[in-house]
Amino acid sequence: MADDIKVRYSDADLAMFKEIILEKVEKAKKDLDLLRSAYKNDGNNGTDDTSPTFKAFEEGSETMSKEANTQLAIRQEKFVRDLKNALLRIENKTYGICRVTGKLINPERLKLVPHATLSIEAKNMQG
């Protein structure tokens, strides 16, 4: 019988992926803290004594960067959430299994995108 198809990653593989994810969670949380402090900052960068034209430009770019930072922070929060969900899948031993095909997601893909729930094959089908 050729029933030796891997239906899940081994505990050793899962432990390796867990390490990768935990590192990414740490980095993502630090990045998120930086983004949050950047847009909570009052933005006074000592430009009070510069020309009024420059000041207006500063305020305009400040508004834009606050919006950009907010968008980045929202994306970063989702990333942290996705990574934490991936950790739950590791605990349940369902990590790395494509939710569409039921096949194992390529380990190289998981190293690059550790929160992936779709294989490239399934992603292309959605395309």
C-alpha atoms as a PDB file:
ATOM      1  CA  MET A   1       0.000   0.000   0.000  1.00  0.00           C
ATOM      2  CA  ALA A   2       1.306   3.435  -0.937  1.00  0.00           C
ATOM      3  CA  ASP A   3      -0.266   5.129   2.036  1.00  0.00           C
ATOM      4  CA  ASP A   4       2.945   6.773   3.159  1.00  0.00           C
ATOM      5  CA  ILE A   5       1.831  10.243   2.007  1.00  0.00           C
ATOM      6  CA  LYS A   6       2.622  12.769   4.708  1.00  0.00           C
ATOM      7  CA  VAL A   7      -0.612  14.203   6.044  1.00  0.00           C
ATOM      8  CA  ARG A   8       1.065  16.528   8.517  1.00  0.00           C
ATOM      9  CA  TYR A   9       4.460  17.882   9.421  1.00  0.00           C
ATOM     10  CA  SER A  10       6.485  15.938  11.988  1.00  0.00           C
ATOM     11  CA  ASP A  11       6.832  17.298  15.508  1.00  0.00           C
ATOM     12  CA  ALA A  12      10.455  18.205  14.715  1.00  0.00           C
ATOM     13  CA  ASP A  13       9.328  20.200  11.667  1.00  0.00           C
ATOM     14  CA  LEU A  14       6.591  21.865  13.695  1.00  0.00           C
ATOM     15  CA  ALA A  15       9.124  22.824  16.379  1.00  0.00           C
ATOM     16  CA  MET A  16      11.355  24.390  13.715  1.00  0.00           C
ATOM     17  CA  PHE A  17       8.429  26.376  12.253  1.00  0.00           C
ATOM     18  CA  LYS A  18       7.429  27.430  15.764  1.00  0.00           C
ATOM     19  CA  GLU A  19      10.886  28.936  16.312  1.00  0.00           C
ATOM     20  CA  ILE A  20      10.650  30.859  13.024  1.00  0.00           C
ATOM     21  CA  ILE A  21       7.181  32.151  13.914  1.00  0.00           C
ATOM     22  CA  LEU A  22       8.119  33.147  17.462  1.00  0.00           C
ATOM     23  CA  GLU A  23      11.040  35.173  16.084  1.00  0.00           C
ATOM     24  CA  LYS A  24       8.738  36.841  13.568  1.00  0.00           C
ATOM     25  CA  VAL A  25       6.158  37.609  16.284  1.00  0.00           C
ATOM     26  CA  GLU A  26       8.857  39.299  18.391  1.00  0.00           C
ATOM     27  CA  LYS A  27      10.077  41.388  15.464  1.00  0.00           C
ATOM     28  CA  ALA A  28       6.533  42.216  14.339  1.00  0.00           C
ATOM     29  CA  LYS A  29       5.602  43.375  17.852  1.00  0.00           C
ATOM     30  CA  LYS A  30       8.685  45.614  18.006  1.00  0.00           C
ATOM     31  CA  ASP A  31       7.840  47.064  14.592  1.00  0.00           C
ATOM     32  CA  LEU A  32       4.264  47.628  15.743  1.00  0.00           C
ATOM     33  CA  ASP A  33       5.450  49.435  18.889  1.00  0.00           C
ATOM     34  CA  LEU A  34       7.664  51.675  16.735  1.00  0.00           C
ATOM     35  CA  LEU A  35       4.768  52.462  14.411  1.00  0.00           C
ATOM     36  CA  ARG A  36       2.442  53.180  17.320  1.00  0.00           C
ATOM     37  CA  SER A  37       4.928  55.511  18.998  1.00  0.00           C
ATOM     38  CA  ALA A  38       5.541  57.220  15.643  1.00  0.00           C
ATOM     39  CA  TYR A  39       1.900  58.115  15.122  1.00  0.00           C
ATOM     40  CA  LYS A  40       1.230  58.913  18.788  1.00  0.00           C
ATOM     41  CA  ASN A  41       4.213  61.254  18.753  1.00  0.00           C
ATOM     42  CA  ASP A  42       3.197  64.916  18.700  1.00  0.00           C
ATOM     43  CA  GLY A  43       5.448  65.316  15.670  1.00  0.00           C
ATOM     44  CA  ASN A  44       7.320  68.354  16.957  1.00  0.00           C
ATOM     45  CA  ASN A  45      10.732  67.730  15.450  1.00  0.00           C
ATOM     46  CA  GLY A  46      12.199  71.108  16.358  1.00  0.00           C
ATOM     47  CA  THR A  47      11.019  72.816  13.176  1.00  0.00           C
ATOM     48  CA  ASP A  48       9.449  75.774  15.049  1.00  0.00           C
ATOM     49  CA  ASP A  49      12.138  78.208  13.930  1.00  0.00           C
ATOM     50  CA  THR A  50      12.196  77.212  10.251  1.00  0.00           C
ATOM     51  CA  SER A  51      10.501  79.053   7.425  1.00  0.00           C
ATOM     52  CA  PRO A  52       6.659  79.082   7.278  1.00  0.00           C
ATOM     53  CA  THR A  53       6.694  77.410   3.843  1.00  0.00           C
ATOM     54  CA  PHE A  54       8.749  74.543   5.158  1.00  0.00           C
ATOM     55  CA  LYS A  55       6.497  74.329   8.224  1.00  0.00           C
ATOM     56  CA  ALA A  56       3.393  73.941   6.025  1.00  0.00           C
ATOM     57  CA  PHE A  57       5.140  71.263   3.992  1.00  0.00           C
ATOM     58  CA  GLU A  58       6.212  69.522   7.223  1.00  0.00           C
ATOM     59  CA  GLU A  59       2.633  69.477   8.541  1.00  0.00           C
ATOM     60  CA  GLY A  60       1.312  68.119   5.248  1.00  0.00           C
ATOM     61  CA  SER A  61       3.848  65.319   5.142  1.00  0.00           C
ATOM     62  CA  GLU A  62       3.265  64.699   8.846  1.00  0.00           C
ATOM     63  CA  THR A  63      -0.435  64.110   8.199  1.00  0.00           C
ATOM     64  CA  MET A  64       0.399  61.787   5.333  1.00  0.00           C
ATOM     65  CA  SER A  65       2.944  59.872   7.360  1.00  0.00           C
ATOM     66  CA  LYS A  66       0.494  59.562  10.269  1.00  0.00           C
ATOM     67  CA  GLU A  67      -2.054  58.031   7.885  1.00  0.00           C
ATOM     68  CA  ALA A  68       0.615  55.791   6.367  1.00  0.00           C
ATOM     69  CA  ASN A  69       1.791  54.769   9.844  1.00  0.00           C
ATOM     70  CA  THR A  70      -1.772  53.995  10.881  1.00  0.00           C
ATOM     71  CA  GLN A  71      -2.223  51.819   7.781  1.00  0.00           C
ATOM     72  CA  LEU A  72       1.085  50.077   8.441  1.00  0.00           C
ATOM     73  CA  ALA A  73       0.136  49.538  12.082  1.00  0.00           C
ATOM     74  CA  ILE A  74      -3.207  47.987  11.082  1.00  0.00           C
ATOM     75  CA  ARG A  75      -1.414  45.688   8.633  1.00  0.00           C
ATOM     76  CA  GLN A  76       1.175  44.849  11.287  1.00  0.00           C
ATOM     77  CA  GLU A  77      -1.540  44.012  13.859  1.00  0.00           C
ATOM     78  CA  LYS A  78      -3.116  41.633  11.351  1.00  0.00           C
ATOM     79  CA  PHE A  79       0.303  40.062  10.691  1.00  0.00           C
ATOM     80  CA  VAL A  80       0.837  39.461  14.433  1.00  0.00           C
ATOM     81  CA  ARG A  81      -2.664  37.956  14.667  1.00  0.00           C
ATOM     82  CA  ASP A  82      -1.992  35.696  11.657  1.00  0.00           C
ATOM     83  CA  LEU A  83       1.286  34.539  13.208  1.00  0.00           C
ATOM     84  CA  LYS A  84      -0.442  33.787  16.516  1.00  0.00           C
ATOM     85  CA  ASN A  85      -3.071  31.776  14.639  1.00  0.00           C
ATOM     86  CA  ALA A  86      -0.232  29.860  12.975  1.00  0.00           C
ATOM     87  CA  LEU A  87       1.120  29.035  16.454  1.00  0.00           C
ATOM     88  CA  LEU A  88      -2.306  27.629  17.372  1.00  0.00           C
ATOM     89  CA  ARG A  89      -2.225  25.458  14.255  1.00  0.00           C
ATOM     90  CA  ILE A  90       1.186  24.183  15.356  1.00  0.00           C
ATOM     91  CA  GLU A  91      -0.291  23.240  18.747  1.00  0.00           C
ATOM     92  CA  ASN A  92      -3.180  21.461  16.977  1.00  0.00           C
ATOM     93  CA  LYS A  93      -0.704  19.817  14.578  1.00  0.00           C
ATOM     94  CA  THR A  94      -2.662  21.191  11.612  1.00  0.00           C
ATOM     95  CA  TYR A  95       0.054  23.693  10.673  1.00  0.00           C
ATOM     96  CA  GLY A  96       1.268  23.694   7.100  1.00  0.00           C
ATOM     97  CA  ILE A  97      -1.742  21.890   5.672  1.00  0.00           C
ATOM     98  CA  CYS A  98      -3.424  23.725   2.804  1.00  0.00           C
ATOM     99  CA  ARG A  99      -7.004  24.557   3.756  1.00  0.00           C
ATOM    100  CA  VAL A 100      -8.158  24.014   0.160  1.00  0.00           C
ATOM    101  CA  THR A 101      -6.251  20.978  -1.102  1.00  0.00           C
ATOM    102  CA  GLY A 102      -5.493  19.318   2.247  1.00  0.00           C
ATOM    103  CA  LYS A 103      -1.922  18.765   1.050  1.00  0.00           C
ATOM    104  CA  LEU A 104       1.190  19.956   2.829  1.00  0.00           C
ATOM    105  CA  ILE A 105       2.304  23.460   1.948  1.00  0.00           C
ATOM    106  CA  ASN A 106       5.870  23.561   0.613  1.00  0.00           C
ATOM    107  CA  PRO A 107       8.259  24.081   3.561  1.00  0.00           C
ATOM    108  CA  GLU A 108      10.178  26.760   1.621  1.00  0.00           C
ATOM    109  CA  ARG A 109       6.937  28.738   1.257  1.00  0.00           C
ATOM    110  CA  LEU A 110       6.255  28.357   4.968  1.00  0.00           C
ATOM    111  CA  LYS A 111       9.716  29.661   5.828  1.00  0.00           C
ATOM    112  CA  LEU A 112       9.014  32.790   3.773  1.00  0.00           C
ATOM    113  CA  VAL A 113       5.326  33.119   4.690  1.00  0.00           C
ATOM    114  CA  PRO A 114       4.980  31.224   7.989  1.00  0.00           C
ATOM    115  CA  HIS A 115       1.313  32.165   8.410  1.00  0.00           C
ATOM    116  CA  ALA A 116       0.311  30.782   4.986  1.00  0.00           C
ATOM    117  CA  THR A 117      -2.805  28.601   4.952  1.00  0.00           C
ATOM    118  CA  LEU A 118      -2.867  28.033   1.198  1.00  0.00           C
ATOM    119  CA  SER A 119      -0.455  26.135  -0.996  1.00  0.00           C
ATOM    120  CA  ILE A 120       0.757  27.901  -4.154  1.00  0.00           C
ATOM    121  CA  GLU A 121      -1.467  25.474  -6.064  1.00  0.00           C
ATOM    122  CA  ALA A 122      -4.577  26.610  -4.143  1.00  0.00           C
ATOM    123  CA  LYS A 123      -3.551  30.274  -4.372  1.00  0.00           C
ATOM    124  CA  ASN A 124      -3.247  29.963  -8.156  1.00  0.00           C
ATOM    125  CA  MET A 125      -6.714  28.368  -8.330  1.00  0.00           C
ATOM    126  CA  GLN A 126      -8.135  31.467  -6.624  1.00  0.00           C
ATOM    127  CA  GLY A 127      -6.159  33.692  -9.005  1.00  0.00           C
END
